[in-house]
Amino acid sequence: MTRVGMTYDLRTDYLEEGYSEEQTAEFDQPATIDAIEETLGSLGYRTDRIGHVRALAKRLVAGDRWDLVFNIAEGLKGFGRESQVPCLLDAYDIPYVFSDPLVLSLTLHKAMAKRVIRDLGIPTPDFAVVEDTGDIAAVSLPYPLFVKPLSEGTGKGINEKSIVRNARELDARCRSLLEAFSQPVLVETYLSGREFTVGIVGTGRKARAIAVMEVILRENAEKGVYSLVNKEYCEQFVDYALLKGEEAERVSAVALAAWRGLECRDGGRLDIRADASGVPHFLEVNPLAGLHPTHSDLPILSALAGVPYRDLLGMIMASAEERIRPGR
């Protein structure tokens, strides 16, 4: 029986250390880890909970090894935070599920990822990077603009003030984010069209879109943005709808081109938004997508498409096993 280690960042651990709700928004709840472990067990794997990168380091030094590691650890600080666990596993020649350190570092730095996407000829909003307050006045993109932290997920740093309509609002928002997150700020042309998220399983030519899901904000939601609050309380503020037909194919084509071009692996999710003409644009990719069975976007869209949670994890594991042991 394949022995599978599980690496993750548990939100409650960091809250106990004094970190805030927003700082820990990307980390996992115990229910998520329970669900993954139970599902992997039902698929025939023998699991071993490891935890965060420091726990992994201790286990490795103590001599522990695994046939495969199911890695969803996000890390805490730096552009390489999602790469820390894969780097350690590579050093010890232990295979793992999901993307490698290069991909995880590249995609966490949203501007770097967009530069690659743009070079691949995939539509993405024009953008500028604000490293410090001296860069704000140099932003020359047409308003309205969308402003967010450069390397965060789960809607962190995003709310109704993220859409800015003039230089005064841009200055205020950039200064606020620079102070709050101690990292650069990404400024993009705001796209006024519909917003979608696409679930992907597989690697390279074998990657495929599970489904395209439209994110529809309710009247009582924060307006115009899939924000931290809207995501955290999606049951109150968001409706999700499966997209079908030619439009779904166009959105899927953009997502798959980005997934393959960035060389993401096994499974994940991409955010796509249309411009005023309906042309889908790449916003960002999450190669370590949330896996709570009923609260995370990837399992939600999979369920809408008739793919049970167990089957979703089964396809992800099959992709990893095929990569690691081709021909078996």
Protein backbone atom coordinates (compact mmCIF):
# COMPACT_ATOMS: atom_id res chain seq x y z
CA MET A 1 0.00 0.00 0.00
CA THR A 2 1.37 3.41 -1.00
CA ARG A 3 2.33 5.50 2.03
CA VAL A 4 1.26 9.11 1.49
CA GLY A 5 2.47 11.93 3.72
CA MET A 6 0.26 15.00 4.08
CA THR A 7 1.77 18.48 4.28
CA TYR A 8 -0.45 21.48 5.04
CA ASP A 9 -0.78 24.66 7.08
CA LEU A 10 -3.51 24.40 9.69
CA ARG A 11 -5.23 27.72 10.30
CA THR A 12 -5.87 27.08 13.99
CA ASP A 13 -2.14 26.58 14.63
CA TYR A 14 -1.31 30.05 13.34
CA LEU A 15 -4.27 31.72 15.06
CA GLU A 16 -2.96 30.31 18.35
CA GLU A 17 0.42 31.92 17.57
CA GLY A 18 -1.27 35.32 17.29
CA TYR A 19 -1.74 35.70 13.55
CA SER A 20 -4.96 37.39 12.37
CA GLU A 21 -7.96 35.93 10.55
CA GLU A 22 -6.89 37.65 7.32
CA GLN A 23 -3.24 36.58 7.63
CA THR A 24 -4.36 32.96 7.94
CA ALA A 25 -7.16 33.07 5.36
CA GLU A 26 -5.33 30.77 2.92
CA PHE A 27 -4.62 28.09 5.51
CA ASP A 28 -6.73 25.00 6.02
CA GLN A 29 -9.37 24.11 8.54
CA PRO A 30 -9.21 20.75 10.36
CA ALA A 31 -12.30 19.63 8.40
CA THR A 32 -10.37 19.96 5.14
CA ILE A 33 -7.48 17.81 6.35
CA ASP A 34 -9.94 15.26 7.75
CA ALA A 35 -11.76 15.08 4.41
CA ILE A 36 -8.58 14.67 2.38
CA GLU A 37 -7.24 11.97 4.70
CA GLU A 38 -10.50 10.05 4.73
CA THR A 39 -10.79 10.25 0.94
CA LEU A 40 -7.21 9.16 0.31
CA GLY A 41 -7.84 6.23 2.64
CA SER A 42 -10.93 5.25 0.67
CA LEU A 43 -8.78 5.33 -2.50
CA GLY A 44 -6.42 2.77 -0.99
CA TYR A 45 -3.62 4.98 0.32
CA ARG A 46 -2.09 4.77 3.79
CA THR A 47 -1.80 8.34 5.09
CA ASP A 48 0.55 10.01 7.54
CA ARG A 49 -0.12 13.57 8.71
CA ILE A 50 3.03 15.69 8.67
CA GLY A 51 1.88 19.33 8.83
CA HIS A 52 3.80 22.48 7.94
CA VAL A 53 7.30 22.91 6.55
CA ARG A 54 9.01 22.98 9.95
CA ALA A 55 7.31 19.73 10.95
CA LEU A 56 8.38 18.21 7.63
CA ALA A 57 11.99 19.27 8.22
CA LYS A 58 12.02 17.57 11.63
CA ARG A 59 10.54 14.38 10.23
CA LEU A 60 13.05 14.26 7.37
CA VAL A 61 16.01 14.80 9.70
CA ALA A 62 14.64 12.03 11.92
CA GLY A 63 14.77 9.69 8.93
CA ASP A 64 11.08 9.49 7.99
CA ARG A 65 10.25 8.91 4.31
CA TRP A 66 7.10 8.48 2.22
CA ASP A 67 6.27 6.99 -1.17
CA LEU A 68 4.44 10.20 -2.09
CA VAL A 69 3.50 13.45 -0.35
CA PHE A 70 0.14 15.16 -0.83
CA ASN A 71 1.25 18.77 -0.50
CA ILE A 72 -1.12 21.69 0.05
CA ALA A 73 1.15 23.74 2.35
CA GLU A 74 0.92 27.45 1.50
CA GLY A 75 3.75 28.74 3.68
CA LEU A 76 3.75 32.00 5.56
CA LYS A 77 6.22 34.54 4.16
CA GLY A 78 7.98 35.45 0.93
CA PHE A 79 7.40 34.85 -2.78
CA GLY A 80 8.76 31.32 -2.31
CA ARG A 81 6.51 30.38 0.58
CA GLU A 82 4.49 27.83 -1.43
CA SER A 83 7.73 26.33 -2.75
CA GLN A 84 9.30 25.54 0.61
CA VAL A 85 7.82 22.07 1.04
CA PRO A 86 8.46 20.96 -2.59
CA CYS A 87 12.06 22.21 -2.34
CA LEU A 88 12.67 20.08 0.74
CA LEU A 89 11.02 17.07 -0.87
CA ASP A 90 13.11 17.50 -4.02
CA ALA A 91 16.25 17.64 -1.89
CA TYR A 92 15.33 14.28 -0.35
CA ASP A 93 14.12 12.82 -3.67
CA ILE A 94 10.58 12.29 -2.40
CA PRO A 95 7.82 12.67 -5.04
CA TYR A 96 4.79 14.83 -4.32
CA VAL A 97 1.40 15.80 -5.67
CA PHE A 98 0.87 19.16 -7.40
CA SER A 99 3.29 21.65 -8.90
CA ASP A 100 7.03 22.07 -8.43
CA PRO A 101 8.94 24.95 -6.76
CA LEU A 102 9.42 26.93 -9.98
CA VAL A 103 5.72 26.93 -10.80
CA LEU A 104 4.64 27.73 -7.26
CA SER A 105 7.03 30.68 -6.98
CA LEU A 106 6.17 32.01 -10.43
CA THR A 107 2.41 31.83 -9.98
CA LEU A 108 2.48 33.33 -6.48
CA HIS A 109 4.16 36.43 -7.95
CA LYS A 110 1.15 37.51 -9.98
CA ALA A 111 3.04 40.02 -12.13
CA MET A 112 5.72 37.49 -13.12
CA ALA A 113 3.03 34.98 -14.01
CA LYS A 114 1.22 37.59 -16.11
CA ARG A 115 4.45 38.40 -17.96
CA VAL A 116 4.78 34.75 -18.96
CA ILE A 117 1.10 34.59 -19.88
CA ARG A 118 1.45 37.71 -22.01
CA ASP A 119 4.51 36.25 -23.73
CA LEU A 120 2.46 33.13 -24.52
CA GLY A 121 -0.09 35.34 -26.29
CA ILE A 122 -2.86 34.65 -23.77
CA PRO A 123 -5.13 37.64 -23.00
CA THR A 124 -4.56 39.19 -19.57
CA PRO A 125 -5.35 42.71 -18.31
CA ASP A 126 -2.66 45.38 -18.73
CA PHE A 127 -0.89 45.96 -15.43
CA ALA A 128 1.70 47.82 -13.42
CA VAL A 129 3.57 46.91 -10.24
CA VAL A 130 3.83 49.38 -7.35
CA GLU A 131 6.90 48.46 -5.30
CA ASP A 132 6.67 51.52 -3.03
CA THR A 133 4.81 54.82 -2.78
CA GLY A 134 7.18 56.42 -5.29
CA ASP A 135 5.79 54.17 -8.05
CA ILE A 136 2.15 55.21 -7.65
CA ALA A 137 2.34 58.41 -9.70
CA ALA A 138 4.01 56.52 -12.57
CA VAL A 139 0.96 54.26 -13.15
CA SER A 140 -0.40 55.34 -16.54
CA LEU A 141 -3.20 52.82 -17.11
CA PRO A 142 -6.72 54.07 -17.93
CA TYR A 143 -9.30 54.03 -15.14
CA PRO A 144 -11.06 52.19 -13.63
CA LEU A 145 -8.28 50.01 -12.21
CA PHE A 146 -8.19 46.98 -9.96
CA VAL A 147 -5.66 46.97 -7.11
CA LYS A 148 -4.58 43.95 -5.04
CA PRO A 149 -1.58 42.53 -3.17
CA LEU A 150 0.99 41.00 -5.50
CA SER A 151 1.25 37.57 -3.87
CA GLU A 152 -1.83 36.71 -1.86
CA GLY A 153 -4.80 34.42 -2.43
CA THR A 154 -8.29 33.69 -1.12
CA GLY A 155 -9.29 37.29 -1.80
CA LYS A 156 -6.89 38.68 0.81
CA GLY A 157 -6.61 42.46 0.47
CA ILE A 158 -9.58 42.61 -1.90
CA ASN A 159 -12.80 44.48 -1.15
CA GLU A 160 -15.00 47.16 -2.72
CA LYS A 161 -12.14 49.67 -2.48
CA SER A 162 -10.07 47.47 -4.82
CA ILE A 163 -11.78 49.12 -7.79
CA VAL A 164 -10.32 52.62 -8.10
CA ARG A 165 -11.63 55.31 -10.44
CA ASN A 166 -9.13 58.15 -10.13
CA ALA A 167 -5.61 59.04 -9.03
CA ARG A 168 -6.67 59.94 -5.49
CA GLU A 169 -8.32 56.55 -4.92
CA LEU A 170 -5.33 54.75 -6.51
CA ASP A 171 -2.91 56.54 -4.20
CA ALA A 172 -4.96 55.76 -1.10
CA ARG A 173 -5.49 52.11 -1.97
CA CYS A 174 -1.87 51.42 -2.88
CA ARG A 175 -0.62 53.04 0.31
CA SER A 176 -3.07 51.03 2.38
CA LEU A 177 -2.02 47.71 0.83
CA LEU A 178 1.69 48.46 0.96
CA GLU A 179 1.40 49.09 4.67
CA ALA A 180 -0.96 46.22 5.43
CA PHE A 181 0.82 43.45 3.49
CA SER A 182 4.46 44.63 3.30
CA GLN A 183 4.71 43.56 -0.32
CA PRO A 184 4.28 45.15 -3.77
CA VAL A 185 0.87 45.93 -5.19
CA LEU A 186 -0.49 44.78 -8.55
CA VAL A 187 -2.52 47.36 -10.48
CA GLU A 188 -4.57 46.02 -13.40
CA THR A 189 -7.02 47.37 -15.93
CA TYR A 190 -10.44 46.57 -14.50
CA LEU A 191 -12.47 44.14 -16.60
CA SER A 192 -16.20 44.81 -16.45
CA GLY A 193 -17.38 41.45 -17.78
CA ARG A 194 -18.44 38.21 -16.12
CA GLU A 195 -16.14 36.28 -13.78
CA PHE A 196 -15.40 32.57 -14.02
CA THR A 197 -13.26 29.98 -12.32
CA VAL A 198 -12.05 26.87 -14.13
CA GLY A 199 -11.08 23.59 -12.52
CA ILE A 200 -8.25 21.63 -14.15
CA VAL A 201 -6.97 18.10 -13.57
CA GLY A 202 -3.96 16.54 -15.19
CA THR A 203 -0.58 17.62 -16.47
CA GLY A 204 0.65 18.86 -19.85
CA ARG A 205 -1.20 17.48 -22.86
CA LYS A 206 -3.30 15.27 -20.58
CA ALA A 207 -4.65 18.22 -18.60
CA ARG A 208 -8.35 18.89 -19.06
CA ALA A 209 -10.97 21.25 -17.72
CA ILE A 210 -13.43 19.63 -15.33
CA ALA A 211 -15.84 22.52 -15.59
CA VAL A 212 -16.25 26.27 -15.86
CA MET A 213 -18.17 27.94 -13.05
CA GLU A 214 -19.50 31.49 -13.14
CA VAL A 215 -19.20 33.52 -9.95
CA ILE A 216 -22.37 35.61 -9.51
CA LEU A 217 -22.45 38.12 -6.68
CA ARG A 218 -25.77 38.63 -4.91
CA GLU A 219 -27.27 42.04 -4.22
CA ASN A 220 -26.06 41.98 -0.60
CA ALA A 221 -22.45 41.13 -1.54
CA GLU A 222 -19.49 43.49 -1.76
CA LYS A 223 -19.98 44.98 -5.20
CA GLY A 224 -17.92 44.06 -8.24
CA VAL A 225 -15.27 41.94 -6.51
CA TYR A 226 -14.86 38.31 -5.46
CA SER A 227 -13.48 39.58 -2.16
CA LEU A 228 -12.24 37.91 1.00
CA VAL A 229 -15.61 38.51 2.68
CA ASN A 230 -17.59 37.26 -0.33
CA LYS A 231 -15.45 34.11 -0.49
CA GLU A 232 -15.44 33.46 3.25
CA TYR A 233 -19.23 33.79 3.44
CA CYS A 234 -20.05 32.55 -0.06
CA GLU A 235 -23.24 30.85 1.15
CA GLN A 236 -24.66 34.31 1.93
CA PHE A 237 -23.17 36.41 -0.85
CA VAL A 238 -22.45 34.29 -3.93
CA ASP A 239 -24.31 32.12 -6.42
CA TYR A 240 -22.35 29.63 -8.52
CA ALA A 241 -23.54 28.49 -11.94
CA LEU A 242 -22.10 25.91 -14.32
CA LEU A 243 -21.23 27.43 -17.69
CA LYS A 244 -21.87 25.33 -20.80
CA GLY A 245 -21.68 25.59 -24.57
CA GLU A 246 -19.42 27.71 -26.73
CA GLU A 247 -18.73 30.29 -24.05
CA ALA A 248 -17.53 27.59 -21.66
CA GLU A 249 -15.25 26.27 -24.41
CA ARG A 250 -13.72 29.73 -24.95
CA VAL A 251 -13.08 30.19 -21.23
CA SER A 252 -11.69 26.65 -20.92
CA ALA A 253 -9.34 27.23 -23.85
CA VAL A 254 -7.78 30.26 -22.11
CA ALA A 255 -7.48 28.37 -18.83
CA LEU A 256 -5.91 25.28 -20.39
CA ALA A 257 -3.44 27.34 -22.42
CA ALA A 258 -2.35 29.11 -19.24
CA TRP A 259 -2.18 25.89 -17.21
CA ARG A 260 -0.03 24.16 -19.80
CA GLY A 261 2.07 27.23 -20.56
CA LEU A 262 2.93 27.72 -16.89
CA GLU A 263 3.56 23.95 -16.56
CA CYS A 264 1.20 23.43 -13.64
CA ARG A 265 0.60 19.84 -12.54
CA ASP A 266 -2.09 17.40 -11.37
CA GLY A 267 -4.91 19.76 -10.41
CA GLY A 268 -5.85 23.33 -9.62
CA ARG A 269 -7.99 26.28 -10.52
CA LEU A 270 -7.75 29.40 -12.70
CA ASP A 271 -9.61 32.68 -12.41
CA ILE A 272 -10.81 34.12 -15.71
CA ARG A 273 -12.72 37.36 -16.31
CA ALA A 274 -14.26 38.75 -19.48
CA ASP A 275 -13.77 42.27 -20.76
CA ALA A 276 -16.61 44.51 -21.94
CA SER A 277 -16.63 42.66 -25.29
CA GLY A 278 -16.88 39.25 -23.65
CA VAL A 279 -13.29 38.19 -24.38
CA PRO A 280 -12.01 35.95 -21.53
CA HIS A 281 -8.77 37.08 -19.86
CA PHE A 282 -6.43 35.25 -17.50
CA LEU A 283 -6.41 36.78 -14.02
CA GLU A 284 -4.44 34.26 -11.99
CA VAL A 285 -3.92 30.56 -11.33
CA ASN A 286 -4.07 28.66 -8.06
CA PRO A 287 -1.92 25.53 -8.44
CA LEU A 288 -2.62 24.69 -4.76
CA ALA A 289 -6.38 25.14 -4.85
CA GLY A 290 -8.49 24.89 -1.71
CA LEU A 291 -9.91 21.40 -1.12
CA HIS A 292 -12.62 21.82 1.51
CA PRO A 293 -15.36 19.52 0.17
CA THR A 294 -18.19 22.08 0.27
CA HIS A 295 -16.55 25.50 0.75
CA SER A 296 -13.66 25.61 -1.76
CA ASP A 297 -14.21 26.61 -5.38
CA LEU A 298 -12.60 23.55 -6.98
CA PRO A 299 -14.76 20.98 -5.18
CA ILE A 300 -17.82 23.22 -5.63
CA LEU A 301 -17.43 23.43 -9.40
CA SER A 302 -16.60 19.72 -9.57
CA ALA A 303 -19.82 18.88 -7.74
CA LEU A 304 -21.82 21.13 -10.08
CA ALA A 305 -20.32 19.16 -12.99
CA GLY A 306 -21.31 15.84 -11.41
CA VAL A 307 -17.80 14.95 -10.22
CA PRO A 308 -17.87 13.76 -6.58
CA TYR A 309 -15.11 14.83 -4.19
CA ARG A 310 -13.67 11.32 -4.10
CA ASP A 311 -13.42 11.22 -7.89
CA LEU A 312 -11.76 14.66 -7.94
CA LEU A 313 -9.01 13.54 -5.56
CA GLY A 314 -8.77 10.26 -7.44
CA MET A 315 -8.05 12.08 -10.71
CA ILE A 316 -5.46 14.29 -9.01
CA MET A 317 -3.71 11.27 -7.51
CA ALA A 318 -3.85 9.41 -10.83
CA SER A 319 -2.12 12.33 -12.54
CA ALA A 320 0.63 12.40 -9.90
CA GLU A 321 1.11 8.63 -10.02
CA GLU A 322 1.39 8.66 -13.81
CA ARG A 323 3.99 11.45 -13.69
CA ILE A 324 6.05 9.67 -11.09
CA ARG A 325 5.66 6.12 -12.41
CA PRO A 326 4.98 6.44 -16.15
CA GLY A 327 3.66 3.29 -17.75
CA ARG A 328 2.35 1.78 -14.53
